[in-house]
Amino acid sequence: MTSAFFPKVRKTLRHPVAEWSLWLGVPLVLYLTGLHTDVLAGAQRVLLATGLLRPETNTAAAAPVPADYNLTLLTLDGRQTSLRALKGKVIFLNLWASWCPPCIAEMPGIQQLYRETDTSRVAFVMLSLDENPDKARKLMKRKKFTFPAYTPGSRMPQVYASRSIPTTFVISKRGEIVVRHEGMADYGSAEFKAFLSKLASQ
């Protein structure tokens, strides 16, 4: 009787242990391989697809804030330029990092926006805040993004300070910040494309 009882106990104990090992093991593997960022980004991408997270484009809702062009930009291959060099164009400025799931989640929409926008009138500045530019470079290559990516080459002007990323700014040709959006958003929407096009034609 005793020998028949204990094997059953051991057998029933194996299932909870196996289940807990699975629940703990999968996240650990994802974290150690760096895939957790992509998994979380994929889940948040589903949320973006609902169309609920759209940036505010009603520029009349608040007084515009003057932009600060005093920012040196470094391309991911080390070449230097500046925000000032883009003055006179509409500027789409996005603060992001390779370790940030919501940043990665909104990037396909930004890539679509970049591909369908007249870049002679609208400049894209995807500003990586990664300490190591190689991480940003590898993400760009792996995801096949073609929008211009940079890292800061000087101190960030206070007007672009943000406690969270992603944060996106749209600067008008007149040098005014007409959009400031903290958090991810669907920038590939027809509504936002029309807004950007109208702003560039003013």
C-alpha atoms as a PDB file:
ATOM      1  CA  MET A   1       0.000   0.000   0.000  1.00  0.00           C
ATOM      2  CA  THR A   2       2.782   2.407   0.894  1.00  0.00           C
ATOM      3  CA  SER A   3       4.762   1.670  -2.240  1.00  0.00           C
ATOM      4  CA  ALA A   4       1.656   2.179  -4.363  1.00  0.00           C
ATOM      5  CA  PHE A   5       0.814   5.507  -2.695  1.00  0.00           C
ATOM      6  CA  PHE A   6       4.135   7.359  -2.932  1.00  0.00           C
ATOM      7  CA  PRO A   7       4.646   6.946  -6.688  1.00  0.00           C
ATOM      8  CA  LYS A   8       1.276   8.632  -7.185  1.00  0.00           C
ATOM      9  CA  VAL A   9       2.315  11.524  -4.960  1.00  0.00           C
ATOM     10  CA  ARG A  10       5.594  11.905  -6.823  1.00  0.00           C
ATOM     11  CA  LYS A  11       3.743  11.745 -10.135  1.00  0.00           C
ATOM     12  CA  THR A  12       1.285  14.492  -9.150  1.00  0.00           C
ATOM     13  CA  LEU A  13       4.121  16.689  -7.909  1.00  0.00           C
ATOM     14  CA  ARG A  14       5.943  16.486 -11.219  1.00  0.00           C
ATOM     15  CA  HIS A  15       3.211  18.420 -13.071  1.00  0.00           C
ATOM     16  CA  PRO A  16       3.293  21.628 -10.946  1.00  0.00           C
ATOM     17  CA  VAL A  17       7.092  21.603 -11.004  1.00  0.00           C
ATOM     18  CA  ALA A  18       7.108  21.213 -14.788  1.00  0.00           C
ATOM     19  CA  GLU A  19       4.528  23.971 -15.189  1.00  0.00           C
ATOM     20  CA  TRP A  20       6.443  26.378 -12.967  1.00  0.00           C
ATOM     21  CA  SER A  21       9.665  25.545 -14.798  1.00  0.00           C
ATOM     22  CA  LEU A  22       7.951  26.389 -18.083  1.00  0.00           C
ATOM     23  CA  TRP A  23       6.486  29.673 -16.813  1.00  0.00           C
ATOM     24  CA  LEU A  24       9.794  30.768 -15.329  1.00  0.00           C
ATOM     25  CA  GLY A  25      12.021  29.314 -18.014  1.00  0.00           C
ATOM     26  CA  VAL A  26      10.432  30.874 -21.101  1.00  0.00           C
ATOM     27  CA  PRO A  27      10.687  34.503 -19.865  1.00  0.00           C
ATOM     28  CA  LEU A  28      14.240  33.820 -18.683  1.00  0.00           C
ATOM     29  CA  VAL A  29      15.271  32.466 -22.091  1.00  0.00           C
ATOM     30  CA  LEU A  30      13.616  35.426 -23.837  1.00  0.00           C
ATOM     31  CA  TYR A  31      15.428  37.848 -21.546  1.00  0.00           C
ATOM     32  CA  LEU A  32      18.837  36.193 -21.869  1.00  0.00           C
ATOM     33  CA  THR A  33      18.569  36.042 -25.666  1.00  0.00           C
ATOM     34  CA  GLY A  34      17.315  39.623 -25.913  1.00  0.00           C
ATOM     35  CA  LEU A  35      14.081  38.515 -27.582  1.00  0.00           C
ATOM     36  CA  HIS A  36      11.855  39.832 -24.786  1.00  0.00           C
ATOM     37  CA  THR A  37      11.957  43.329 -26.297  1.00  0.00           C
ATOM     38  CA  ASP A  38      10.661  42.057 -29.647  1.00  0.00           C
ATOM     39  CA  VAL A  39       7.968  39.949 -27.980  1.00  0.00           C
ATOM     40  CA  LEU A  40       6.683  42.891 -25.933  1.00  0.00           C
ATOM     41  CA  ALA A  41       6.917  45.175 -28.956  1.00  0.00           C
ATOM     42  CA  GLY A  42       4.854  42.702 -30.979  1.00  0.00           C
ATOM     43  CA  ALA A  43       2.140  42.678 -28.328  1.00  0.00           C
ATOM     44  CA  GLN A  44       2.070  46.474 -28.227  1.00  0.00           C
ATOM     45  CA  ARG A  45       1.987  46.581 -32.020  1.00  0.00           C
ATOM     46  CA  VAL A  46      -1.349  44.745 -31.808  1.00  0.00           C
ATOM     47  CA  LEU A  47      -2.619  47.543 -29.571  1.00  0.00           C
ATOM     48  CA  LEU A  48      -1.491  50.153 -32.099  1.00  0.00           C
ATOM     49  CA  ALA A  49      -3.390  48.310 -34.825  1.00  0.00           C
ATOM     50  CA  THR A  50      -6.661  49.092 -33.034  1.00  0.00           C
ATOM     51  CA  GLY A  51      -6.254  52.733 -34.043  1.00  0.00           C
ATOM     52  CA  LEU A  52      -6.859  53.927 -30.490  1.00  0.00           C
ATOM     53  CA  LEU A  53      -3.396  55.425 -29.992  1.00  0.00           C
ATOM     54  CA  ARG A  54      -3.202  58.391 -32.332  1.00  0.00           C
ATOM     55  CA  PRO A  55      -1.109  61.523 -31.840  1.00  0.00           C
ATOM     56  CA  GLU A  56      -2.913  64.827 -31.318  1.00  0.00           C
ATOM     57  CA  THR A  57      -2.841  66.825 -34.547  1.00  0.00           C
ATOM     58  CA  ASN A  58      -5.053  69.732 -33.520  1.00  0.00           C
ATOM     59  CA  THR A  59      -2.346  72.393 -33.540  1.00  0.00           C
ATOM     60  CA  ALA A  60      -4.841  75.100 -32.593  1.00  0.00           C
ATOM     61  CA  ALA A  61      -5.459  73.430 -29.233  1.00  0.00           C
ATOM     62  CA  ALA A  62      -2.385  74.957 -27.590  1.00  0.00           C
ATOM     63  CA  ALA A  63       0.077  77.754 -28.190  1.00  0.00           C
ATOM     64  CA  PRO A  64       3.102  76.531 -30.190  1.00  0.00           C
ATOM     65  CA  VAL A  65       6.461  76.334 -28.420  1.00  0.00           C
ATOM     66  CA  PRO A  66       9.602  77.666 -30.161  1.00  0.00           C
ATOM     67  CA  ALA A  67      11.932  74.885 -31.300  1.00  0.00           C
ATOM     68  CA  ASP A  68      15.611  74.862 -30.359  1.00  0.00           C
ATOM     69  CA  TYR A  69      17.857  73.959 -33.300  1.00  0.00           C
ATOM     70  CA  ASN A  70      21.003  73.918 -31.165  1.00  0.00           C
ATOM     71  CA  LEU A  71      21.493  70.151 -31.324  1.00  0.00           C
ATOM     72  CA  THR A  72      24.381  68.303 -32.958  1.00  0.00           C
ATOM     73  CA  LEU A  73      23.403  65.024 -34.604  1.00  0.00           C
ATOM     74  CA  LEU A  74      25.644  62.038 -35.289  1.00  0.00           C
ATOM     75  CA  THR A  75      24.661  59.491 -37.905  1.00  0.00           C
ATOM     76  CA  LEU A  76      25.027  55.847 -36.887  1.00  0.00           C
ATOM     77  CA  ASP A  77      28.208  55.658 -38.972  1.00  0.00           C
ATOM     78  CA  GLY A  78      29.706  58.651 -37.136  1.00  0.00           C
ATOM     79  CA  ARG A  79      29.115  61.555 -39.522  1.00  0.00           C
ATOM     80  CA  GLN A  80      28.178  64.879 -37.924  1.00  0.00           C
ATOM     81  CA  THR A  81      25.307  67.150 -38.852  1.00  0.00           C
ATOM     82  CA  SER A  82      22.848  69.263 -36.886  1.00  0.00           C
ATOM     83  CA  LEU A  83      19.198  69.996 -36.367  1.00  0.00           C
ATOM     84  CA  ARG A  84      19.968  73.514 -37.576  1.00  0.00           C
ATOM     85  CA  ALA A  85      20.881  72.090 -40.999  1.00  0.00           C
ATOM     86  CA  LEU A  86      17.241  71.002 -41.330  1.00  0.00           C
ATOM     87  CA  LYS A  87      15.786  74.401 -40.491  1.00  0.00           C
ATOM     88  CA  GLY A  88      13.130  75.464 -42.986  1.00  0.00           C
ATOM     89  CA  LYS A  89      11.714  71.949 -43.289  1.00  0.00           C
ATOM     90  CA  VAL A  90       9.048  70.246 -41.236  1.00  0.00           C
ATOM     91  CA  ILE A  91      10.936  68.000 -38.804  1.00  0.00           C
ATOM     92  CA  PHE A  92       9.629  64.725 -37.389  1.00  0.00           C
ATOM     93  CA  LEU A  93      11.798  64.158 -34.293  1.00  0.00           C
ATOM     94  CA  ASN A  94      11.432  60.887 -32.403  1.00  0.00           C
ATOM     95  CA  LEU A  95      13.330  59.901 -29.227  1.00  0.00           C
ATOM     96  CA  TRP A  96      13.793  56.148 -28.921  1.00  0.00           C
ATOM     97  CA  ALA A  97      16.092  53.332 -27.776  1.00  0.00           C
ATOM     98  CA  SER A  98      16.694  49.748 -28.864  1.00  0.00           C
ATOM     99  CA  TRP A  99      15.720  48.394 -25.418  1.00  0.00           C
ATOM    100  CA  CYS A 100      12.326  50.152 -25.459  1.00  0.00           C
ATOM    101  CA  PRO A 101       9.424  47.868 -26.582  1.00  0.00           C
ATOM    102  CA  PRO A 102       6.907  50.676 -27.297  1.00  0.00           C
ATOM    103  CA  CYS A 103       9.579  52.474 -29.341  1.00  0.00           C
ATOM    104  CA  ILE A 104      10.037  49.405 -31.522  1.00  0.00           C
ATOM    105  CA  ALA A 105       6.276  48.821 -31.683  1.00  0.00           C
ATOM    106  CA  GLU A 106       5.625  52.185 -33.348  1.00  0.00           C
ATOM    107  CA  MET A 107       8.578  52.008 -35.744  1.00  0.00           C
ATOM    108  CA  PRO A 108       6.847  50.084 -38.566  1.00  0.00           C
ATOM    109  CA  GLY A 109       4.290  52.896 -38.709  1.00  0.00           C
ATOM    110  CA  ILE A 110       7.068  55.489 -38.794  1.00  0.00           C
ATOM    111  CA  GLN A 111       8.831  53.519 -41.533  1.00  0.00           C
ATOM    112  CA  GLN A 112       5.610  53.551 -43.550  1.00  0.00           C
ATOM    113  CA  LEU A 113       5.218  57.289 -42.944  1.00  0.00           C
ATOM    114  CA  TYR A 114       8.817  57.894 -44.034  1.00  0.00           C
ATOM    115  CA  ARG A 115       8.381  55.828 -47.180  1.00  0.00           C
ATOM    116  CA  GLU A 116       5.222  57.705 -48.216  1.00  0.00           C
ATOM    117  CA  THR A 117       6.360  61.241 -47.327  1.00  0.00           C
ATOM    118  CA  ASP A 118       8.109  63.801 -49.514  1.00  0.00           C
ATOM    119  CA  THR A 119      11.434  63.989 -47.681  1.00  0.00           C
ATOM    120  CA  SER A 120      12.458  67.094 -49.614  1.00  0.00           C
ATOM    121  CA  ARG A 121       9.929  68.936 -47.442  1.00  0.00           C
ATOM    122  CA  VAL A 122       9.848  66.772 -44.303  1.00  0.00           C
ATOM    123  CA  ALA A 123      12.992  65.680 -42.433  1.00  0.00           C
ATOM    124  CA  PHE A 124      12.992  62.615 -40.206  1.00  0.00           C
ATOM    125  CA  VAL A 125      15.245  62.578 -37.154  1.00  0.00           C
ATOM    126  CA  MET A 126      15.025  59.255 -35.337  1.00  0.00           C
ATOM    127  CA  LEU A 127      17.204  60.059 -32.340  1.00  0.00           C
ATOM    128  CA  SER A 128      18.510  56.983 -30.531  1.00  0.00           C
ATOM    129  CA  LEU A 129      19.274  57.420 -26.834  1.00  0.00           C
ATOM    130  CA  ASP A 130      21.231  54.156 -26.652  1.00  0.00           C
ATOM    131  CA  GLU A 131      24.589  54.569 -24.923  1.00  0.00           C
ATOM    132  CA  ASN A 132      26.095  52.246 -27.522  1.00  0.00           C
ATOM    133  CA  PRO A 133      25.261  53.278 -31.123  1.00  0.00           C
ATOM    134  CA  ASP A 134      25.979  49.701 -32.262  1.00  0.00           C
ATOM    135  CA  LYS A 135      22.752  48.572 -30.612  1.00  0.00           C
ATOM    136  CA  ALA A 136      20.743  51.081 -32.612  1.00  0.00           C
ATOM    137  CA  ARG A 137      22.626  50.152 -35.785  1.00  0.00           C
ATOM    138  CA  LYS A 138      21.963  46.427 -35.294  1.00  0.00           C
ATOM    139  CA  LEU A 139      18.264  47.009 -34.659  1.00  0.00           C
ATOM    140  CA  MET A 140      17.957  49.151 -37.796  1.00  0.00           C
ATOM    141  CA  LYS A 141      19.623  46.434 -39.857  1.00  0.00           C
ATOM    142  CA  ARG A 142      17.655  43.560 -38.319  1.00  0.00           C
ATOM    143  CA  LYS A 143      14.313  45.304 -38.774  1.00  0.00           C
ATOM    144  CA  LYS A 144      15.281  46.696 -42.206  1.00  0.00           C
ATOM    145  CA  PHE A 145      14.314  50.253 -41.273  1.00  0.00           C
ATOM    146  CA  THR A 146      15.533  52.892 -43.718  1.00  0.00           C
ATOM    147  CA  PHE A 147      14.554  56.139 -41.987  1.00  0.00           C
ATOM    148  CA  PRO A 148      17.476  58.367 -40.903  1.00  0.00           C
ATOM    149  CA  ALA A 149      18.699  57.485 -37.409  1.00  0.00           C
ATOM    150  CA  TYR A 150      21.044  59.546 -35.257  1.00  0.00           C
ATOM    151  CA  THR A 151      22.492  59.818 -31.776  1.00  0.00           C
ATOM    152  CA  PRO A 152      22.899  63.126 -29.894  1.00  0.00           C
ATOM    153  CA  GLY A 153      26.280  64.759 -30.457  1.00  0.00           C
ATOM    154  CA  SER A 154      25.661  67.505 -27.923  1.00  0.00           C
ATOM    155  CA  ARG A 155      23.532  68.210 -24.894  1.00  0.00           C
ATOM    156  CA  MET A 156      19.810  67.836 -25.534  1.00  0.00           C
ATOM    157  CA  PRO A 157      17.995  71.196 -25.486  1.00  0.00           C
ATOM    158  CA  GLN A 158      15.601  71.518 -22.554  1.00  0.00           C
ATOM    159  CA  VAL A 159      12.601  71.923 -24.835  1.00  0.00           C
ATOM    160  CA  TYR A 160      13.019  68.276 -25.922  1.00  0.00           C
ATOM    161  CA  ALA A 161      13.456  66.920 -22.386  1.00  0.00           C
ATOM    162  CA  SER A 162      11.174  63.996 -21.619  1.00  0.00           C
ATOM    163  CA  ARG A 163      10.858  61.550 -18.751  1.00  0.00           C
ATOM    164  CA  SER A 164       9.715  58.748 -21.017  1.00  0.00           C
ATOM    165  CA  ILE A 165      10.304  57.314 -24.460  1.00  0.00           C
ATOM    166  CA  PRO A 166       9.183  57.145 -27.112  1.00  0.00           C
ATOM    167  CA  THR A 167       8.527  60.869 -27.349  1.00  0.00           C
ATOM    168  CA  THR A 168       7.809  62.532 -30.675  1.00  0.00           C
ATOM    169  CA  PHE A 169       7.952  66.169 -31.722  1.00  0.00           C
ATOM    170  CA  VAL A 170       6.844  67.774 -34.958  1.00  0.00           C
ATOM    171  CA  ILE A 171       8.526  71.087 -35.756  1.00  0.00           C
ATOM    172  CA  SER A 172       6.949  73.370 -38.330  1.00  0.00           C
ATOM    173  CA  LYS A 173       8.850  75.245 -41.051  1.00  0.00           C
ATOM    174  CA  ARG A 174       8.403  78.379 -38.934  1.00  0.00           C
ATOM    175  CA  GLY A 175      10.378  76.761 -36.123  1.00  0.00           C
ATOM    176  CA  GLU A 176       7.487  75.941 -33.790  1.00  0.00           C
ATOM    177  CA  ILE A 177       6.868  72.665 -31.970  1.00  0.00           C
ATOM    178  CA  VAL A 178       3.312  71.932 -33.059  1.00  0.00           C
ATOM    179  CA  VAL A 179       3.153  68.328 -31.809  1.00  0.00           C
ATOM    180  CA  ARG A 180       4.615  66.788 -28.667  1.00  0.00           C
ATOM    181  CA  HIS A 181       3.496  63.231 -27.946  1.00  0.00           C
ATOM    182  CA  GLU A 182       4.842  61.049 -25.133  1.00  0.00           C
ATOM    183  CA  GLY A 183       4.269  57.327 -25.582  1.00  0.00           C
ATOM    184  CA  MET A 184       3.763  55.205 -28.654  1.00  0.00           C
ATOM    185  CA  ALA A 185       1.339  56.145 -31.408  1.00  0.00           C
ATOM    186  CA  ASP A 186       0.293  55.118 -34.897  1.00  0.00           C
ATOM    187  CA  TYR A 187       2.159  57.520 -37.156  1.00  0.00           C
ATOM    188  CA  GLY A 188       1.365  55.488 -40.248  1.00  0.00           C
ATOM    189  CA  SER A 189      -2.302  56.486 -40.179  1.00  0.00           C
ATOM    190  CA  ALA A 190      -3.849  58.348 -43.110  1.00  0.00           C
ATOM    191  CA  GLU A 191      -4.853  61.132 -40.722  1.00  0.00           C
ATOM    192  CA  PHE A 192      -1.291  61.792 -39.573  1.00  0.00           C
ATOM    193  CA  LYS A 193       0.100  61.590 -43.107  1.00  0.00           C
ATOM    194  CA  ALA A 194      -2.434  64.208 -44.226  1.00  0.00           C
ATOM    195  CA  PHE A 195      -1.526  66.403 -41.254  1.00  0.00           C
ATOM    196  CA  LEU A 196       2.184  66.241 -42.060  1.00  0.00           C
ATOM    197  CA  SER A 197       1.586  66.919 -45.748  1.00  0.00           C
ATOM    198  CA  LYS A 198      -0.582  69.938 -44.980  1.00  0.00           C
ATOM    199  CA  LEU A 199       2.019  71.284 -42.558  1.00  0.00           C
ATOM    200  CA  ALA A 200       4.742  70.930 -45.189  1.00  0.00           C
ATOM    201  CA  SER A 201       2.713  72.831 -47.773  1.00  0.00           C
ATOM    202  CA  GLN A 202       2.080  75.853 -45.548  1.00  0.00           C
END
